[in-house]
Amino acid sequence: MNPLFADLALVGAAYLVGATPFGYLAGRSAGKIDIRRHGSGNIGATNVGRVLGARWGLAVLALDVSKGLAAVALLPRLFVAPDGAHGAHWIVAAGLAAILGHMFSCWLKFRGGKGVATALGVVAWLAPWASLTSGAVFALTFLIWRFASLSSILAAAAFAVCEWAMLWPAPFSDENWSLAAFSLIVPALIIVRHRENILRLMRGEETRYSSKEQPTREKQKAAFDRDQQQ
């Protein structure tokens, strides 16, 4: 296979894996509803958990993380040799493609989620130490304030700062430039995708997560009935 074709095929396959809308599919499978019409309207695990219950939310979280991990850990073995700077840069590109696929899914008319879980799967492989720092920031801020959106924003920012600190003083060297760029682009995209949440946080209208907020069968049936009427 032509090397450039293999590299481009890797990025395309990673996008398609990332574009698989597990949250949307969970809504159709579990409640026969379009998850985009309920709760916050997002296809991510947080909204799925609120609308369908914690089990479905956790399942979607695991699947969204897994598709990010697959894009950088599994697909490169099929399309490109993982050794050397050239291969490493294309693996970073595949990770970015998977995240963009989740955010702008071709199966949902180029709409999608906010990319946090898929990004977690990608960076856990590409930058494990910065990922651990980011995860610690998310856990701490979530325990304090119970806002998944705020925790995601702060975790994204923490990842960028930590990874750049690790790449310094040569973030744009021949070996590091793709990961340095990734570490700026992806957190910025995640923060931009949370712009509505940021506005709600500023107005004091953002919803805190509550483990007691579990949907009943009656609420799920009502959601199904609303979808049928639309």
C-alpha atoms as a PDB file:
ATOM      1  CA  MET A   1       0.000   0.000   0.000  1.00  0.00           C
ATOM      2  CA  ASN A   2       1.253   3.491  -0.856  1.00  0.00           C
ATOM      3  CA  PRO A   3       2.537   5.097   2.409  1.00  0.00           C
ATOM      4  CA  LEU A   4       0.641   8.357   1.914  1.00  0.00           C
ATOM      5  CA  PHE A   5      -2.554   6.481   1.072  1.00  0.00           C
ATOM      6  CA  ALA A   6      -2.121   4.377   4.206  1.00  0.00           C
ATOM      7  CA  ASP A   7      -1.630   7.500   6.326  1.00  0.00           C
ATOM      8  CA  LEU A   8      -4.738   9.163   4.891  1.00  0.00           C
ATOM      9  CA  ALA A   9      -6.709   5.944   5.276  1.00  0.00           C
ATOM     10  CA  LEU A  10      -5.716   5.877   8.942  1.00  0.00           C
ATOM     11  CA  VAL A  11      -7.046   9.396   9.491  1.00  0.00           C
ATOM     12  CA  GLY A  12     -10.264   8.627   7.597  1.00  0.00           C
ATOM     13  CA  ALA A  13     -10.876   5.424   9.532  1.00  0.00           C
ATOM     14  CA  ALA A  14     -10.195   7.227  12.809  1.00  0.00           C
ATOM     15  CA  TYR A  15     -12.764   9.878  11.894  1.00  0.00           C
ATOM     16  CA  LEU A  16     -15.399   7.223  11.143  1.00  0.00           C
ATOM     17  CA  VAL A  17     -14.701   5.433  14.423  1.00  0.00           C
ATOM     18  CA  GLY A  18     -14.970   8.719  16.312  1.00  0.00           C
ATOM     19  CA  ALA A  19     -18.150   9.629  14.455  1.00  0.00           C
ATOM     20  CA  THR A  20     -20.002   6.564  15.748  1.00  0.00           C
ATOM     21  CA  PRO A  21     -22.683   8.232  17.932  1.00  0.00           C
ATOM     22  CA  PHE A  22     -23.002   5.820  20.828  1.00  0.00           C
ATOM     23  CA  GLY A  23     -25.078   8.266  22.869  1.00  0.00           C
ATOM     24  CA  TYR A  24     -27.603   8.626  20.063  1.00  0.00           C
ATOM     25  CA  LEU A  25     -27.684   4.854  19.545  1.00  0.00           C
ATOM     26  CA  ALA A  26     -28.231   4.335  23.274  1.00  0.00           C
ATOM     27  CA  GLY A  27     -31.255   6.616  23.164  1.00  0.00           C
ATOM     28  CA  ARG A  28     -32.722   4.686  20.253  1.00  0.00           C
ATOM     29  CA  SER A  29     -31.951   1.325  21.821  1.00  0.00           C
ATOM     30  CA  ALA A  30     -32.891   1.951  25.466  1.00  0.00           C
ATOM     31  CA  GLY A  31     -35.721   4.412  25.312  1.00  0.00           C
ATOM     32  CA  LYS A  32     -36.717   4.570  21.625  1.00  0.00           C
ATOM     33  CA  ILE A  33     -35.983   8.302  21.793  1.00  0.00           C
ATOM     34  CA  ASP A  34     -33.752  10.834  20.098  1.00  0.00           C
ATOM     35  CA  ILE A  35     -31.427  11.814  22.947  1.00  0.00           C
ATOM     36  CA  ARG A  36     -30.808  15.163  21.211  1.00  0.00           C
ATOM     37  CA  ARG A  37     -34.364  16.217  22.065  1.00  0.00           C
ATOM     38  CA  HIS A  38     -34.019  15.608  25.783  1.00  0.00           C
ATOM     39  CA  GLY A  39     -32.058  16.999  28.688  1.00  0.00           C
ATOM     40  CA  SER A  40     -29.242  19.211  27.452  1.00  0.00           C
ATOM     41  CA  GLY A  41     -29.605  17.867  23.909  1.00  0.00           C
ATOM     42  CA  ASN A  42     -26.069  16.487  23.943  1.00  0.00           C
ATOM     43  CA  ILE A  43     -25.226  12.927  22.863  1.00  0.00           C
ATOM     44  CA  GLY A  44     -22.551  12.547  25.548  1.00  0.00           C
ATOM     45  CA  ALA A  45     -22.537  10.270  28.568  1.00  0.00           C
ATOM     46  CA  THR A  46     -23.628  12.948  31.064  1.00  0.00           C
ATOM     47  CA  ASN A  47     -26.877  13.693  29.239  1.00  0.00           C
ATOM     48  CA  VAL A  48     -27.504  10.010  28.502  1.00  0.00           C
ATOM     49  CA  GLY A  49     -27.093   9.267  32.204  1.00  0.00           C
ATOM     50  CA  ARG A  50     -29.562  11.980  33.159  1.00  0.00           C
ATOM     51  CA  VAL A  51     -32.192  10.874  30.661  1.00  0.00           C
ATOM     52  CA  LEU A  52     -31.780   7.077  30.578  1.00  0.00           C
ATOM     53  CA  GLY A  53     -30.052   6.310  33.865  1.00  0.00           C
ATOM     54  CA  ALA A  54     -26.553   5.799  35.218  1.00  0.00           C
ATOM     55  CA  ARG A  55     -26.014   2.373  33.616  1.00  0.00           C
ATOM     56  CA  TRP A  56     -26.550   3.744  30.129  1.00  0.00           C
ATOM     57  CA  GLY A  57     -24.471   6.812  30.916  1.00  0.00           C
ATOM     58  CA  LEU A  58     -21.542   4.676  32.062  1.00  0.00           C
ATOM     59  CA  ALA A  59     -21.885   2.420  29.018  1.00  0.00           C
ATOM     60  CA  VAL A  60     -21.757   5.395  26.654  1.00  0.00           C
ATOM     61  CA  LEU A  61     -18.806   6.845  28.568  1.00  0.00           C
ATOM     62  CA  ALA A  62     -16.867   3.592  28.197  1.00  0.00           C
ATOM     63  CA  LEU A  63     -17.692   3.309  24.502  1.00  0.00           C
ATOM     64  CA  ASP A  64     -16.774   6.918  23.749  1.00  0.00           C
ATOM     65  CA  VAL A  65     -13.452   6.537  25.562  1.00  0.00           C
ATOM     66  CA  SER A  66     -12.843   3.250  23.739  1.00  0.00           C
ATOM     67  CA  LYS A  67     -13.281   4.734  20.282  1.00  0.00           C
ATOM     68  CA  GLY A  68     -10.690   7.410  21.065  1.00  0.00           C
ATOM     69  CA  LEU A  69      -8.302   4.762  22.332  1.00  0.00           C
ATOM     70  CA  ALA A  70      -8.929   2.550  19.291  1.00  0.00           C
ATOM     71  CA  ALA A  71      -8.095   5.406  16.928  1.00  0.00           C
ATOM     72  CA  VAL A  72      -4.553   5.790  18.294  1.00  0.00           C
ATOM     73  CA  ALA A  73      -3.745   2.327  19.674  1.00  0.00           C
ATOM     74  CA  LEU A  74      -5.457  -0.118  17.307  1.00  0.00           C
ATOM     75  CA  LEU A  75      -5.965   1.502  13.900  1.00  0.00           C
ATOM     76  CA  PRO A  76      -2.307   2.568  13.433  1.00  0.00           C
ATOM     77  CA  ARG A  77      -1.295  -1.096  13.535  1.00  0.00           C
ATOM     78  CA  LEU A  78      -3.496  -1.667  10.494  1.00  0.00           C
ATOM     79  CA  PHE A  79      -2.505   1.369   8.444  1.00  0.00           C
ATOM     80  CA  VAL A  80       0.896   2.767   9.454  1.00  0.00           C
ATOM     81  CA  ALA A  81       4.044   1.669  11.249  1.00  0.00           C
ATOM     82  CA  PRO A  82       3.941   3.236  14.740  1.00  0.00           C
ATOM     83  CA  ASP A  83       7.723   3.681  14.974  1.00  0.00           C
ATOM     84  CA  GLY A  84       9.535   6.942  14.216  1.00  0.00           C
ATOM     85  CA  ALA A  85       8.489  10.591  14.134  1.00  0.00           C
ATOM     86  CA  HIS A  86       6.607  10.247  10.839  1.00  0.00           C
ATOM     87  CA  GLY A  87       4.347   7.524  12.182  1.00  0.00           C
ATOM     88  CA  ALA A  88       3.902   9.338  15.498  1.00  0.00           C
ATOM     89  CA  HIS A  89       2.667  12.498  13.762  1.00  0.00           C
ATOM     90  CA  TRP A  90       0.085  10.529  11.796  1.00  0.00           C
ATOM     91  CA  ILE A  91      -1.090   8.799  14.969  1.00  0.00           C
ATOM     92  CA  VAL A  92      -1.641  12.230  16.548  1.00  0.00           C
ATOM     93  CA  ALA A  93      -3.576  13.222  13.414  1.00  0.00           C
ATOM     94  CA  ALA A  94      -5.707  10.091  13.808  1.00  0.00           C
ATOM     95  CA  GLY A  95      -6.466  11.043  17.410  1.00  0.00           C
ATOM     96  CA  LEU A  96      -7.533  14.503  16.342  1.00  0.00           C
ATOM     97  CA  ALA A  97      -9.697  13.002  13.578  1.00  0.00           C
ATOM     98  CA  ALA A  98     -11.481  10.741  16.068  1.00  0.00           C
ATOM     99  CA  ILE A  99     -12.269  13.682  18.343  1.00  0.00           C
ATOM    100  CA  LEU A 100     -13.517  15.749  15.408  1.00  0.00           C
ATOM    101  CA  GLY A 101     -15.611  12.762  14.338  1.00  0.00           C
ATOM    102  CA  HIS A 102     -17.335  12.726  17.714  1.00  0.00           C
ATOM    103  CA  MET A 103     -17.895  16.488  17.631  1.00  0.00           C
ATOM    104  CA  PHE A 104     -19.007  16.614  13.998  1.00  0.00           C
ATOM    105  CA  SER A 105     -20.426  13.197  13.170  1.00  0.00           C
ATOM    106  CA  CYS A 106     -21.174  12.508   9.521  1.00  0.00           C
ATOM    107  CA  TRP A 107     -24.000  10.213  10.705  1.00  0.00           C
ATOM    108  CA  LEU A 108     -25.724  13.127  12.507  1.00  0.00           C
ATOM    109  CA  LYS A 109     -25.419  15.782   9.794  1.00  0.00           C
ATOM    110  CA  PHE A 110     -22.034  16.848  11.193  1.00  0.00           C
ATOM    111  CA  ARG A 111     -23.341  17.508  14.669  1.00  0.00           C
ATOM    112  CA  GLY A 112     -22.299  15.635  17.760  1.00  0.00           C
ATOM    113  CA  GLY A 113     -21.000  15.778  21.283  1.00  0.00           C
ATOM    114  CA  LYS A 114     -18.375  17.814  23.072  1.00  0.00           C
ATOM    115  CA  GLY A 115     -15.542  15.355  22.663  1.00  0.00           C
ATOM    116  CA  VAL A 116     -14.404  14.996  26.271  1.00  0.00           C
ATOM    117  CA  ALA A 117     -14.676  11.205  26.619  1.00  0.00           C
ATOM    118  CA  THR A 118     -13.266  10.502  23.161  1.00  0.00           C
ATOM    119  CA  ALA A 119     -10.412  12.919  23.839  1.00  0.00           C
ATOM    120  CA  LEU A 120      -9.746  11.081  27.105  1.00  0.00           C
ATOM    121  CA  GLY A 121      -9.267   7.830  25.199  1.00  0.00           C
ATOM    122  CA  VAL A 122      -6.886   9.525  22.775  1.00  0.00           C
ATOM    123  CA  VAL A 123      -4.720  11.349  25.307  1.00  0.00           C
ATOM    124  CA  ALA A 124      -4.564   8.397  27.699  1.00  0.00           C
ATOM    125  CA  TRP A 125      -2.462   6.729  24.995  1.00  0.00           C
ATOM    126  CA  LEU A 126      -0.624   9.746  23.559  1.00  0.00           C
ATOM    127  CA  ALA A 127       0.130  11.678  26.768  1.00  0.00           C
ATOM    128  CA  PRO A 128      -0.561   9.522  29.844  1.00  0.00           C
ATOM    129  CA  TRP A 129       1.031  11.795  32.463  1.00  0.00           C
ATOM    130  CA  ALA A 130      -0.798  14.909  31.308  1.00  0.00           C
ATOM    131  CA  SER A 131      -3.953  12.772  31.152  1.00  0.00           C
ATOM    132  CA  LEU A 132      -3.549  11.730  34.784  1.00  0.00           C
ATOM    133  CA  THR A 133      -3.155  15.369  35.795  1.00  0.00           C
ATOM    134  CA  SER A 134      -6.202  16.328  33.760  1.00  0.00           C
ATOM    135  CA  GLY A 135      -8.215  13.490  35.280  1.00  0.00           C
ATOM    136  CA  ALA A 136      -7.237  14.565  38.789  1.00  0.00           C
ATOM    137  CA  VAL A 137      -8.365  18.130  38.045  1.00  0.00           C
ATOM    138  CA  PHE A 138     -11.688  16.842  36.708  1.00  0.00           C
ATOM    139  CA  ALA A 139     -12.285  14.622  39.745  1.00  0.00           C
ATOM    140  CA  LEU A 140     -11.383  17.308  42.265  1.00  0.00           C
ATOM    141  CA  THR A 141     -13.443  20.084  40.698  1.00  0.00           C
ATOM    142  CA  PHE A 142     -16.393  17.757  40.133  1.00  0.00           C
ATOM    143  CA  LEU A 143     -16.373  16.687  43.776  1.00  0.00           C
ATOM    144  CA  ILE A 144     -16.327  20.327  44.853  1.00  0.00           C
ATOM    145  CA  TRP A 145     -18.858  21.913  42.476  1.00  0.00           C
ATOM    146  CA  ARG A 146     -20.713  18.955  40.819  1.00  0.00           C
ATOM    147  CA  PHE A 147     -20.668  20.611  37.392  1.00  0.00           C
ATOM    148  CA  ALA A 148     -19.551  18.166  34.692  1.00  0.00           C
ATOM    149  CA  SER A 149     -19.181  21.025  32.212  1.00  0.00           C
ATOM    150  CA  LEU A 150     -16.950  23.147  34.446  1.00  0.00           C
ATOM    151  CA  SER A 151     -14.845  20.129  35.363  1.00  0.00           C
ATOM    152  CA  SER A 152     -14.407  19.271  31.672  1.00  0.00           C
ATOM    153  CA  ILE A 153     -13.323  22.809  30.824  1.00  0.00           C
ATOM    154  CA  LEU A 154     -10.796  22.967  33.668  1.00  0.00           C
ATOM    155  CA  ALA A 155      -9.488  19.485  32.871  1.00  0.00           C
ATOM    156  CA  ALA A 156      -8.970  20.444  29.224  1.00  0.00           C
ATOM    157  CA  ALA A 157      -7.047  23.555  30.241  1.00  0.00           C
ATOM    158  CA  ALA A 158      -4.974  21.543  32.739  1.00  0.00           C
ATOM    159  CA  PHE A 159      -4.062  19.043  30.037  1.00  0.00           C
ATOM    160  CA  ALA A 160      -2.767  21.805  27.755  1.00  0.00           C
ATOM    161  CA  VAL A 161      -0.675  23.381  30.506  1.00  0.00           C
ATOM    162  CA  CYS A 162       0.754  20.071  31.727  1.00  0.00           C
ATOM    163  CA  GLU A 163       1.614  18.698  28.289  1.00  0.00           C
ATOM    164  CA  TRP A 164       3.295  21.922  27.225  1.00  0.00           C
ATOM    165  CA  ALA A 165       5.300  21.940  30.430  1.00  0.00           C
ATOM    166  CA  MET A 166       6.468  18.414  29.621  1.00  0.00           C
ATOM    167  CA  LEU A 167       7.364  19.295  26.016  1.00  0.00           C
ATOM    168  CA  TRP A 168       9.196  22.494  26.999  1.00  0.00           C
ATOM    169  CA  PRO A 169      11.708  23.891  25.995  1.00  0.00           C
ATOM    170  CA  ALA A 170      11.252  22.432  22.490  1.00  0.00           C
ATOM    171  CA  PRO A 171       7.511  21.941  21.917  1.00  0.00           C
ATOM    172  CA  PHE A 172       7.829  22.435  18.154  1.00  0.00           C
ATOM    173  CA  SER A 173      10.849  20.236  17.563  1.00  0.00           C
ATOM    174  CA  ASP A 174      10.671  17.684  14.746  1.00  0.00           C
ATOM    175  CA  GLU A 175       9.563  15.026  17.231  1.00  0.00           C
ATOM    176  CA  ASN A 176       7.109  17.084  19.305  1.00  0.00           C
ATOM    177  CA  TRP A 177       5.369  19.586  17.032  1.00  0.00           C
ATOM    178  CA  SER A 178       2.262  17.483  16.292  1.00  0.00           C
ATOM    179  CA  LEU A 179       1.588  16.713  19.953  1.00  0.00           C
ATOM    180  CA  ALA A 180       2.267  20.345  20.917  1.00  0.00           C
ATOM    181  CA  ALA A 181      -0.268  21.536  18.344  1.00  0.00           C
ATOM    182  CA  PHE A 182      -2.742  18.842  19.416  1.00  0.00           C
ATOM    183  CA  SER A 183      -2.392  19.975  23.041  1.00  0.00           C
ATOM    184  CA  LEU A 184      -3.551  23.461  22.065  1.00  0.00           C
ATOM    185  CA  ILE A 185      -6.175  22.613  19.456  1.00  0.00           C
ATOM    186  CA  VAL A 186      -8.129  19.925  21.313  1.00  0.00           C
ATOM    187  CA  PRO A 187      -8.540  21.768  24.648  1.00  0.00           C
ATOM    188  CA  ALA A 188      -9.580  24.879  22.696  1.00  0.00           C
ATOM    189  CA  LEU A 189     -12.178  22.867  20.756  1.00  0.00           C
ATOM    190  CA  ILE A 190     -13.548  21.318  23.958  1.00  0.00           C
ATOM    191  CA  ILE A 191     -13.847  24.722  25.616  1.00  0.00           C
ATOM    192  CA  VAL A 192     -15.572  26.213  22.545  1.00  0.00           C
ATOM    193  CA  ARG A 193     -17.991  23.282  22.435  1.00  0.00           C
ATOM    194  CA  HIS A 194     -18.913  24.153  26.043  1.00  0.00           C
ATOM    195  CA  ARG A 195     -19.737  27.786  25.216  1.00  0.00           C
ATOM    196  CA  GLU A 196     -23.422  27.384  26.072  1.00  0.00           C
ATOM    197  CA  ASN A 197     -22.483  25.777  29.384  1.00  0.00           C
ATOM    198  CA  ILE A 198     -20.136  28.672  30.095  1.00  0.00           C
ATOM    199  CA  LEU A 199     -22.970  31.137  29.542  1.00  0.00           C
ATOM    200  CA  ARG A 200     -25.261  29.121  31.835  1.00  0.00           C
ATOM    201  CA  LEU A 201     -22.531  28.994  34.485  1.00  0.00           C
ATOM    202  CA  MET A 202     -22.160  32.761  34.307  1.00  0.00           C
ATOM    203  CA  ARG A 203     -25.930  33.181  34.700  1.00  0.00           C
ATOM    204  CA  GLY A 204     -26.106  30.638  37.516  1.00  0.00           C
ATOM    205  CA  GLU A 205     -28.370  28.372  35.450  1.00  0.00           C
ATOM    206  CA  GLU A 206     -26.117  25.350  34.885  1.00  0.00           C
ATOM    207  CA  THR A 207     -27.437  22.045  36.278  1.00  0.00           C
ATOM    208  CA  ARG A 208     -25.414  20.281  38.941  1.00  0.00           C
ATOM    209  CA  TYR A 209     -25.083  16.529  38.671  1.00  0.00           C
ATOM    210  CA  SER A 210     -26.999  14.564  41.283  1.00  0.00           C
ATOM    211  CA  SER A 211     -26.780  10.812  41.783  1.00  0.00           C
ATOM    212  CA  LYS A 212     -30.364  10.921  43.056  1.00  0.00           C
ATOM    213  CA  GLU A 213     -31.571  12.263  39.723  1.00  0.00           C
ATOM    214  CA  GLN A 214     -32.454   8.914  38.162  1.00  0.00           C
ATOM    215  CA  PRO A 215     -35.150   8.685  35.485  1.00  0.00           C
ATOM    216  CA  THR A 216     -38.199   6.592  36.254  1.00  0.00           C
ATOM    217  CA  ARG A 217     -39.961   4.345  33.753  1.00  0.00           C
ATOM    218  CA  GLU A 218     -42.761   6.926  33.652  1.00  0.00           C
ATOM    219  CA  LYS A 219     -40.313   9.686  32.682  1.00  0.00           C
ATOM    220  CA  GLN A 220     -38.762   7.498  29.994  1.00  0.00           C
ATOM    221  CA  LYS A 221     -42.204   6.686  28.608  1.00  0.00           C
ATOM    222  CA  ALA A 222     -43.073  10.398  28.608  1.00  0.00           C
ATOM    223  CA  ALA A 223     -39.884  11.118  26.672  1.00  0.00           C
ATOM    224  CA  PHE A 224     -40.804   8.428  24.151  1.00  0.00           C
ATOM    225  CA  ASP A 225     -44.314   9.848  23.788  1.00  0.00           C
ATOM    226  CA  ARG A 226     -42.927  13.360  23.162  1.00  0.00           C
ATOM    227  CA  ASP A 227     -40.681  12.002  20.411  1.00  0.00           C
ATOM    228  CA  GLN A 228     -43.589  10.219  18.789  1.00  0.00           C
ATOM    229  CA  GLN A 229     -45.604  13.447  18.733  1.00  0.00           C
ATOM    230  CA  GLN A 230     -42.816  15.466  17.071  1.00  0.00           C
END
